[in-house]
PDB file of N, CA and C in Angstrom:
ATOM      1  N   MET A   1     125.397 105.500  69.751  1.00  0.00           N
ATOM      2  CA  MET A   1     125.624 104.309  70.528  1.00  0.00           C
ATOM      3  C   MET A   1     124.307 103.671  70.965  1.00  0.00           C
ATOM      4  N   ALA A   2     123.331 104.483  71.373  1.00  0.00           N
ATOM      5  CA  ALA A   2     122.047 103.947  71.805  1.00  0.00           C
ATOM      6  C   ALA A   2     121.346 103.225  70.662  1.00  0.00           C
ATOM      7  N   GLU A   3     121.458 103.747  69.448  1.00  0.00           N
ATOM      8  CA  GLU A   3     120.806 103.104  68.303  1.00  0.00           C
ATOM      9  C   GLU A   3     121.395 101.724  68.054  1.00  0.00           C
ATOM     10  N   ALA A   4     122.697 101.564  68.231  1.00  0.00           N
ATOM     11  CA  ALA A   4     123.343 100.260  68.037  1.00  0.00           C
ATOM     12  C   ALA A   4     122.838  99.250  69.060  1.00  0.00           C
ATOM     13  N   ARG A   5     122.645  99.678  70.295  1.00  0.00           N
ATOM     14  CA  ARG A   5     122.119  98.772  71.334  1.00  0.00           C
ATOM     15  C   ARG A   5     120.690  98.360  71.020  1.00  0.00           C
ATOM     16  N   ILE A   6     119.891  99.288  70.554  1.00  0.00           N
ATOM     17  CA  ILE A   6     118.499  98.969  70.219  1.00  0.00           C
ATOM     18  C   ILE A   6     118.453  97.991  69.056  1.00  0.00           C
ATOM     19  N   ARG A   7     119.290  98.190  68.032  1.00  0.00           N
ATOM     20  CA  ARG A   7     119.334  97.266  66.898  1.00  0.00           C
ATOM     21  C   ARG A   7     119.799  95.877  67.347  1.00  0.00           C
ATOM     22  N   ALA A   8     120.833  95.818  68.177  1.00  0.00           N
ATOM     23  CA  ALA A   8     121.352  94.531  68.654  1.00  0.00           C
ATOM     24  C   ALA A   8     120.332  93.803  69.509  1.00  0.00           C
ATOM     25  N   CYS A   9     119.545  94.549  70.235  1.00  0.00           N
ATOM     26  CA  CYS A   9     118.551  93.978  71.136  1.00  0.00           C
ATOM     27  C   CYS A   9     117.270  93.575  70.399  1.00  0.00           C
ATOM     28  N   GLY A  10     116.987  94.216  69.300  1.00  0.00           N
ATOM     29  CA  GLY A  10     115.722  93.975  68.624  1.00  0.00           C
ATOM     30  C   GLY A  10     114.606  94.812  69.209  1.00  0.00           C
ATOM     31  N   GLY A  11     114.942  95.793  69.971  1.00  0.00           N
ATOM     32  CA  GLY A  11     113.990  96.691  70.618  1.00  0.00           C
ATOM     33  C   GLY A  11     114.713  97.428  71.733  1.00  0.00           C
ATOM     34  N   THR A  12     113.980  98.197  72.485  1.00  0.00           N
ATOM     35  CA  THR A  12     114.588  98.974  73.551  1.00  0.00           C
ATOM     36  C   THR A  12     114.920  98.090  74.749  1.00  0.00           C
ATOM     37  N   PRO A  13     116.190  98.078  75.196  1.00  0.00           N
ATOM     38  CA  PRO A  13     116.532  97.317  76.398  1.00  0.00           C
ATOM     39  C   PRO A  13     115.907  97.970  77.625  1.00  0.00           C
ATOM     40  N   ALA A  14     115.478  97.153  78.586  1.00  0.00           N
ATOM     41  CA  ALA A  14     114.848  97.679  79.793  1.00  0.00           C
ATOM     42  C   ALA A  14     115.127  96.735  80.959  1.00  0.00           C
ATOM     43  N   ALA A  15     115.075  97.288  82.163  1.00  0.00           N
ATOM     44  CA  ALA A  15     115.240  96.493  83.380  1.00  0.00           C
ATOM     45  C   ALA A  15     114.303  97.044  84.443  1.00  0.00           C
ATOM     46  N   SER A  16     113.706  96.159  85.227  1.00  0.00           N
ATOM     47  CA  SER A  16     112.824  96.601  86.305  1.00  0.00           C
ATOM     48  C   SER A  16     113.652  97.005  87.515  1.00  0.00           C
ATOM     49  N   HIS A  17     112.990  97.572  88.512  1.00  0.00           N
ATOM     50  CA  HIS A  17     113.695  98.023  89.717  1.00  0.00           C
ATOM     51  C   HIS A  17     114.330  96.857  90.479  1.00  0.00           C
ATOM     52  N   SER A  18     113.876  95.628  90.250  1.00  0.00           N
ATOM     53  CA  SER A  18     114.424  94.447  90.931  1.00  0.00           C
ATOM     54  C   SER A  18     115.687  93.917  90.271  1.00  0.00           C
ATOM     55  N   PHE A  19     116.134  94.532  89.192  1.00  0.00           N
ATOM     56  CA  PHE A  19     117.310  94.062  88.468  1.00  0.00           C
ATOM     57  C   PHE A  19     118.572  94.123  89.330  1.00  0.00           C
ATOM     58  N   THR A  20     118.714  95.177  90.119  1.00  0.00           N
ATOM     59  CA  THR A  20     119.919  95.382  90.924  1.00  0.00           C
ATOM     60  C   THR A  20     119.578  95.314  92.404  1.00  0.00           C
ATOM     61  N   ARG A  21     120.370  94.535  93.149  1.00  0.00           N
ATOM     62  CA  ARG A  21     120.202  94.453  94.605  1.00  0.00           C
ATOM     63  C   ARG A  21     121.565  94.637  95.265  1.00  0.00           C
ATOM     64  N   TYR A  22     121.547  95.212  96.451  1.00  0.00           N
ATOM     65  CA  TYR A  22     122.782  95.600  97.124  1.00  0.00           C
ATOM     66  C   TYR A  22     122.877  94.979  98.512  1.00  0.00           C
ATOM     67  N   LEU A  23     124.116  94.749  98.969  1.00  0.00           N
ATOM     68  CA  LEU A  23     124.382  94.325 100.342  1.00  0.00           C
ATOM     69  C   LEU A  23     125.694  94.979 100.748  1.00  0.00           C
ATOM     70  N   THR A  24     125.680  95.692 101.871  1.00  0.00           N
ATOM     71  CA  THR A  24     126.884  96.353 102.380  1.00  0.00           C
ATOM     72  C   THR A  24     127.107  95.915 103.813  1.00  0.00           C
ATOM     73  N   ARG A  25     128.319  95.469 104.100  1.00  0.00           N
ATOM     74  CA  ARG A  25     128.733  95.104 105.454  1.00  0.00           C
ATOM     75  C   ARG A  25     130.125  95.663 105.670  1.00  0.00           C
ATOM     76  N   GLY A  26     130.208  96.725 106.462  1.00  0.00           N
ATOM     77  CA  GLY A  26     131.489  97.381 106.674  1.00  0.00           C
ATOM     78  C   GLY A  26     132.001  97.956 105.369  1.00  0.00           C
ATOM     79  N   ARG A  27     133.222  97.600 105.012  1.00  0.00           N
ATOM     80  CA  ARG A  27     133.815  98.094 103.759  1.00  0.00           C
ATOM     81  C   ARG A  27     133.444  97.246 102.557  1.00  0.00           C
ATOM     82  N   VAL A  28     132.856  96.092 102.790  1.00  0.00           N
ATOM     83  CA  VAL A  28     132.527  95.185 101.686  1.00  0.00           C
ATOM     84  C   VAL A  28     131.150  95.530 101.130  1.00  0.00           C
ATOM     85  N   GLN A  29     131.114  95.772  99.828  1.00  0.00           N
ATOM     86  CA  GLN A  29     129.856  96.045  99.135  1.00  0.00           C
ATOM     87  C   GLN A  29     129.669  94.996  98.047  1.00  0.00           C
ATOM     88  N   LEU A  30     128.464  94.436  97.992  1.00  0.00           N
ATOM     89  CA  LEU A  30     128.104  93.493  96.936  1.00  0.00           C
ATOM     90  C   LEU A  30     126.969  94.085  96.122  1.00  0.00           C
ATOM     91  N   ILE A  31     127.036  93.884  94.826  1.00  0.00           N
ATOM     92  CA  ILE A  31     125.943  94.234  93.923  1.00  0.00           C
ATOM     93  C   ILE A  31     125.560  92.966  93.190  1.00  0.00           C
ATOM     94  N   GLY A  32     124.286  92.615  93.243  1.00  0.00           N
ATOM     95  CA  GLY A  32     123.775  91.464  92.508  1.00  0.00           C
ATOM     96  C   GLY A  32     122.925  91.932  91.341  1.00  0.00           C
ATOM     97  N   LEU A  33     123.226  91.427  90.153  1.00  0.00           N
ATOM     98  CA  LEU A  33     122.428  91.748  88.963  1.00  0.00           C
ATOM     99  C   LEU A  33     121.588  90.527  88.614  1.00  0.00           C
ATOM    100  N   HIS A  34     120.289  90.722  88.522  1.00  0.00           N
ATOM    101  CA  HIS A  34     119.321  89.646  88.290  1.00  0.00           C
ATOM    102  C   HIS A  34     118.727  89.819  86.890  1.00  0.00           C
ATOM    103  N   TYR A  35     119.293  89.098  85.933  1.00  0.00           N
ATOM    104  CA  TYR A  35     118.940  89.299  84.533  1.00  0.00           C
ATOM    105  C   TYR A  35     117.552  88.779  84.158  1.00  0.00           C
ATOM    106  N   GLU A  36     116.875  88.064  85.056  1.00  0.00           N
ATOM    107  CA  GLU A  36     115.486  87.699  84.763  1.00  0.00           C
ATOM    108  C   GLU A  36     114.599  88.938  84.753  1.00  0.00           C
ATOM    109  N   HIS A  37     115.104  90.043  85.301  1.00  0.00           N
ATOM    110  CA  HIS A  37     114.367  91.304  85.325  1.00  0.00           C
ATOM    111  C   HIS A  37     114.802  92.246  84.205  1.00  0.00           C
ATOM    112  N   ALA A  38     115.607  91.733  83.264  1.00  0.00           N
ATOM    113  CA  ALA A  38     116.032  92.522  82.103  1.00  0.00           C
ATOM    114  C   ALA A  38     115.278  92.030  80.874  1.00  0.00           C
ATOM    115  N   ARG A  39     114.929  92.934  80.011  1.00  0.00           N
ATOM    116  CA  ARG A  39     114.201  92.597  78.795  1.00  0.00           C
ATOM    117  C   ARG A  39     114.902  93.236  77.603  1.00  0.00           C
ATOM    118  N   CYS A  40     114.853  92.524  76.504  1.00  0.00           N
ATOM    119  CA  CYS A  40     115.415  93.014  75.257  1.00  0.00           C
ATOM    120  C   CYS A  40     114.303  92.871  74.216  1.00  0.00           C
ATOM    121  N   GLY A  41     113.768  93.984  73.777  1.00  0.00           N
ATOM    122  CA  GLY A  41     112.631  93.932  72.869  1.00  0.00           C
ATOM    123  C   GLY A  41     111.414  93.295  73.520  1.00  0.00           C
ATOM    124  N   GLY A  42     111.298  93.440  74.854  1.00  0.00           N
ATOM    125  CA  GLY A  42     110.156  92.894  75.586  1.00  0.00           C
ATOM    126  C   GLY A  42     110.307  91.438  75.976  1.00  0.00           C
ATOM    127  N   GLN A  43     111.400  90.794  75.612  1.00  0.00           N
ATOM    128  CA  GLN A  43     111.607  89.370  75.893  1.00  0.00           C
ATOM    129  C   GLN A  43     112.790  89.169  76.838  1.00  0.00           C
ATOM    130  N   PRO A  44     112.688  88.183  77.758  1.00  0.00           N
ATOM    131  CA  PRO A  44     113.856  87.861  78.584  1.00  0.00           C
ATOM    132  C   PRO A  44     114.868  87.094  77.729  1.00  0.00           C
ATOM    133  N   VAL A  45     116.071  87.601  77.594  1.00  0.00           N
ATOM    134  CA  VAL A  45     117.052  86.970  76.702  1.00  0.00           C
ATOM    135  C   VAL A  45     118.258  86.414  77.442  1.00  0.00           C
ATOM    136  N   PHE A  46     118.274  86.547  78.741  1.00  0.00           N
ATOM    137  CA  PHE A  46     119.424  86.103  79.508  1.00  0.00           C
ATOM    138  C   PHE A  46     119.098  84.869  80.344  1.00  0.00           C
ATOM    139  N   CYS A  47     118.217  84.010  79.840  1.00  0.00           N
ATOM    140  CA  CYS A  47     117.812  82.805  80.561  1.00  0.00           C
ATOM    141  C   CYS A  47     118.007  81.582  79.681  1.00  0.00           C
ATOM    142  N   ASN A  48     118.248  80.447  80.327  1.00  0.00           N
ATOM    143  CA  ASN A  48     118.328  79.171  79.622  1.00  0.00           C
ATOM    144  C   ASN A  48     117.703  78.095  80.516  1.00  0.00           C
ATOM    145  N   ALA A  49     117.900  76.831  80.198  1.00  0.00           N
ATOM    146  CA  ALA A  49     117.284  75.738  80.955  1.00  0.00           C
ATOM    147  C   ALA A  49     117.762  75.687  82.405  1.00  0.00           C
ATOM    148  N   SER A  50     118.956  76.212  82.702  1.00  0.00           N
ATOM    149  CA  SER A  50     119.494  76.198  84.070  1.00  0.00           C
ATOM    150  C   SER A  50     118.960  77.339  84.924  1.00  0.00           C
ATOM    151  N   GLY A  51     118.404  78.350  84.301  1.00  0.00           N
ATOM    152  CA  GLY A  51     117.920  79.524  85.011  1.00  0.00           C
ATOM    153  C   GLY A  51     118.343  80.779  84.273  1.00  0.00           C
ATOM    154  N   CYS A  52     118.312  81.877  84.961  1.00  0.00           N
ATOM    155  CA  CYS A  52     118.686  83.156  84.360  1.00  0.00           C
ATOM    156  C   CYS A  52     120.063  83.584  84.856  1.00  0.00           C
ATOM    157  N   LEU A  53     120.702  84.432  84.067  1.00  0.00           N
ATOM    158  CA  LEU A  53     122.014  84.933  84.422  1.00  0.00           C
ATOM    159  C   LEU A  53     121.925  85.792  85.677  1.00  0.00           C
ATOM    160  N   HIS A  54     122.846  85.546  86.608  1.00  0.00           N
ATOM    161  CA  HIS A  54     123.005  86.354  87.810  1.00  0.00           C
ATOM    162  C   HIS A  54     124.491  86.665  87.933  1.00  0.00           C
ATOM    163  N   GLN A  55     124.807  87.907  88.230  1.00  0.00           N
ATOM    164  CA  GLN A  55     126.199  88.308  88.419  1.00  0.00           C
ATOM    165  C   GLN A  55     126.335  89.015  89.761  1.00  0.00           C
ATOM    166  N   ILE A  56     127.461  88.734  90.431  1.00  0.00           N
ATOM    167  CA  ILE A  56     127.761  89.380  91.706  1.00  0.00           C
ATOM    168  C   ILE A  56     129.067  90.144  91.543  1.00  0.00           C
ATOM    169  N   TYR A  57     129.033  91.416  91.901  1.00  0.00           N
ATOM    170  CA  TYR A  57     130.215  92.274  91.889  1.00  0.00           C
ATOM    171  C   TYR A  57     130.551  92.650  93.326  1.00  0.00           C
ATOM    172  N   VAL A  58     131.851  92.762  93.635  1.00  0.00           N
ATOM    173  CA  VAL A  58     132.300  93.071  94.989  1.00  0.00           C
ATOM    174  C   VAL A  58     133.271  94.245  94.967  1.00  0.00           C
ATOM    175  N   SER A  59     133.201  95.034  96.038  1.00  0.00           N
ATOM    176  CA  SER A  59     134.150  96.130  96.238  1.00  0.00           C
ATOM    177  C   SER A  59     134.500  96.186  97.722  1.00  0.00           C
ATOM    178  N   THR A  60     135.757  96.474  98.007  1.00  0.00           N
ATOM    179  CA  THR A  60     136.193  96.689  99.392  1.00  0.00           C
ATOM    180  C   THR A  60     136.714  98.112  99.542  1.00  0.00           C
ATOM    181  N   GLY A  61     136.099  99.027  98.850  1.00  0.00           N
ATOM    182  CA  GLY A  61     136.464 100.426  98.928  1.00  0.00           C
ATOM    183  C   GLY A  61     136.973 100.981  97.617  1.00  0.00           C
ATOM    184  N   GLY A  62     137.309 100.129  96.675  1.00  0.00           N
ATOM    185  CA  GLY A  62     137.790 100.580  95.372  1.00  0.00           C
ATOM    186  C   GLY A  62     136.767 100.285  94.295  1.00  0.00           C
ATOM    187  N   ARG A  63     137.273  99.940  93.139  1.00  0.00           N
ATOM    188  CA  ARG A  63     136.394  99.613  92.012  1.00  0.00           C
ATOM    189  C   ARG A  63     135.718  98.269  92.246  1.00  0.00           C
ATOM    190  N   PHE A  64     134.557  98.105  91.639  1.00  0.00           N
ATOM    191  CA  PHE A  64     133.863  96.826  91.709  1.00  0.00           C
ATOM    192  C   PHE A  64     134.489  95.859  90.718  1.00  0.00           C
ATOM    193  N   ARG A  65     134.557  94.589  91.103  1.00  0.00           N
ATOM    194  CA  ARG A  65     135.046  93.543  90.203  1.00  0.00           C
ATOM    195  C   ARG A  65     134.054  92.390  90.223  1.00  0.00           C
ATOM    196  N   LEU A  66     133.990  91.695  89.103  1.00  0.00           N
ATOM    197  CA  LEU A  66     133.085  90.559  88.984  1.00  0.00           C
ATOM    198  C   LEU A  66     133.570  89.436  89.890  1.00  0.00           C
ATOM    199  N   LEU A  67     132.700  88.987  90.784  1.00  0.00           N
ATOM    200  CA  LEU A  67     133.019  87.903  91.705  1.00  0.00           C
ATOM    201  C   LEU A  67     132.481  86.576  91.186  1.00  0.00           C
ATOM    202  N   GLN A  68     131.270  86.589  90.635  1.00  0.00           N
ATOM    203  CA  GLN A  68     130.628  85.354  90.167  1.00  0.00           C
ATOM    204  C   GLN A  68     129.632  85.685  89.069  1.00  0.00           C
ATOM    205  N   SER A  69     129.561  84.816  88.082  1.00  0.00           N
ATOM    206  CA  SER A  69     128.600  84.943  86.994  1.00  0.00           C
ATOM    207  C   SER A  69     128.058  83.550  86.720  1.00  0.00           C
ATOM    208  N   LEU A  70     126.751  83.339  86.930  1.00  0.00           N
ATOM    209  CA  LEU A  70     126.205  82.000  86.776  1.00  0.00           C
ATOM    210  C   LEU A  70     124.735  82.036  86.384  1.00  0.00           C
ATOM    211  N   TYR A  71     124.292  80.943  85.791  1.00  0.00           N
ATOM    212  CA  TYR A  71     122.890  80.762  85.431  1.00  0.00           C
ATOM    213  C   TYR A  71     122.246  79.877  86.488  1.00  0.00           C
ATOM    214  N   VAL A  72     121.345  80.457  87.274  1.00  0.00           N
ATOM    215  CA  VAL A  72     120.644  79.750  88.341  1.00  0.00           C
ATOM    216  C   VAL A  72     119.208  80.254  88.394  1.00  0.00           C
ATOM    217  N   PRO A  73     118.290  79.474  89.004  1.00  0.00           N
ATOM    218  CA  PRO A  73     116.900  79.929  89.096  1.00  0.00           C
ATOM    219  C   PRO A  73     116.741  81.215  89.912  1.00  0.00           C
ATOM    220  N   GLU A  74     117.537  81.375  90.991  1.00  0.00           N
ATOM    221  CA  GLU A  74     117.439  82.573  91.830  1.00  0.00           C
ATOM    222  C   GLU A  74     118.724  82.720  92.624  1.00  0.00           C
ATOM    223  N   LEU A  75     119.001  83.945  93.029  1.00  0.00           N
ATOM    224  CA  LEU A  75     120.186  84.234  93.827  1.00  0.00           C
ATOM    225  C   LEU A  75     119.834  85.351  94.790  1.00  0.00           C
ATOM    226  N   ASP A  76     120.085  85.133  96.080  1.00  0.00           N
ATOM    227  CA  ASP A  76     119.828  86.150  97.094  1.00  0.00           C
ATOM    228  C   ASP A  76     121.137  86.582  97.724  1.00  0.00           C
ATOM    229  N   LEU A  77     121.270  87.859  97.954  1.00  0.00           N
ATOM    230  CA  LEU A  77     122.409  88.382  98.702  1.00  0.00           C
ATOM    231  C   LEU A  77     121.965  88.505 100.151  1.00  0.00           C
ATOM    232  N   THR A  78     122.482  87.651 100.996  1.00  0.00           N
ATOM    233  CA  THR A  78     122.141  87.686 102.412  1.00  0.00           C
ATOM    234  C   THR A  78     123.393  87.498 103.238  1.00  0.00           C
ATOM    235  N   GLU A  79     123.352  87.984 104.445  1.00  0.00           N
ATOM    236  CA  GLU A  79     124.466  87.804 105.369  1.00  0.00           C
ATOM    237  C   GLU A  79     124.234  86.524 106.149  1.00  0.00           C
ATOM    238  N   VAL A  80     125.254  85.687 106.209  1.00  0.00           N
ATOM    239  CA  VAL A  80     125.179  84.442 106.961  1.00  0.00           C
ATOM    240  C   VAL A  80     126.172  84.539 108.109  1.00  0.00           C
ATOM    241  N   ARG A  81     125.693  84.299 109.311  1.00  0.00           N
ATOM    242  CA  ARG A  81     126.570  84.320 110.483  1.00  0.00           C
ATOM    243  C   ARG A  81     126.694  82.903 111.019  1.00  0.00           C
ATOM    244  N   PHE A  82     127.924  82.524 111.239  1.00  0.00           N
ATOM    245  CA  PHE A  82     128.187  81.202 111.784  1.00  0.00           C
ATOM    246  C   PHE A  82     128.522  81.346 113.271  1.00  0.00           C
ATOM    247  N   THR A  83     127.991  80.448 114.065  1.00  0.00           N
ATOM    248  CA  THR A  83     128.305  80.438 115.482  1.00  0.00           C
ATOM    249  C   THR A  83     128.959  79.123 115.824  1.00  0.00           C
ATOM    250  N   LYS A  84     129.836  79.158 116.795  1.00  0.00           N
ATOM    251  CA  LYS A  84     130.493  77.929 117.239  1.00  0.00           C
ATOM    252  C   LYS A  84     129.498  77.098 118.042  1.00  0.00           C
ATOM    253  N   PRO A  85     129.501  75.788 117.821  1.00  0.00           N
ATOM    254  CA  PRO A  85     128.558  74.919 118.576  1.00  0.00           C
ATOM    255  C   PRO A  85     128.899  74.862 120.048  1.00  0.00           C
TER     256      PRO A  85
END
């Protein structure tokens, strides 16, 4: 299986430590995948004119499911608190 991935990629697939980012608040867990930090044969292959692929997965105690998949320049997982005026 690994050989098939290397052939499809044109080299060894790799990702830096910044590829995955996490945010947990109570039972809600988010995982953000930042594909600008992934390389295929040494080249970024998950980017286009709109930006790089970013995916957000969510879990509320069970399995993770894809929440959003989009091409943007950057994506941060942060907690936003709203207060009443």
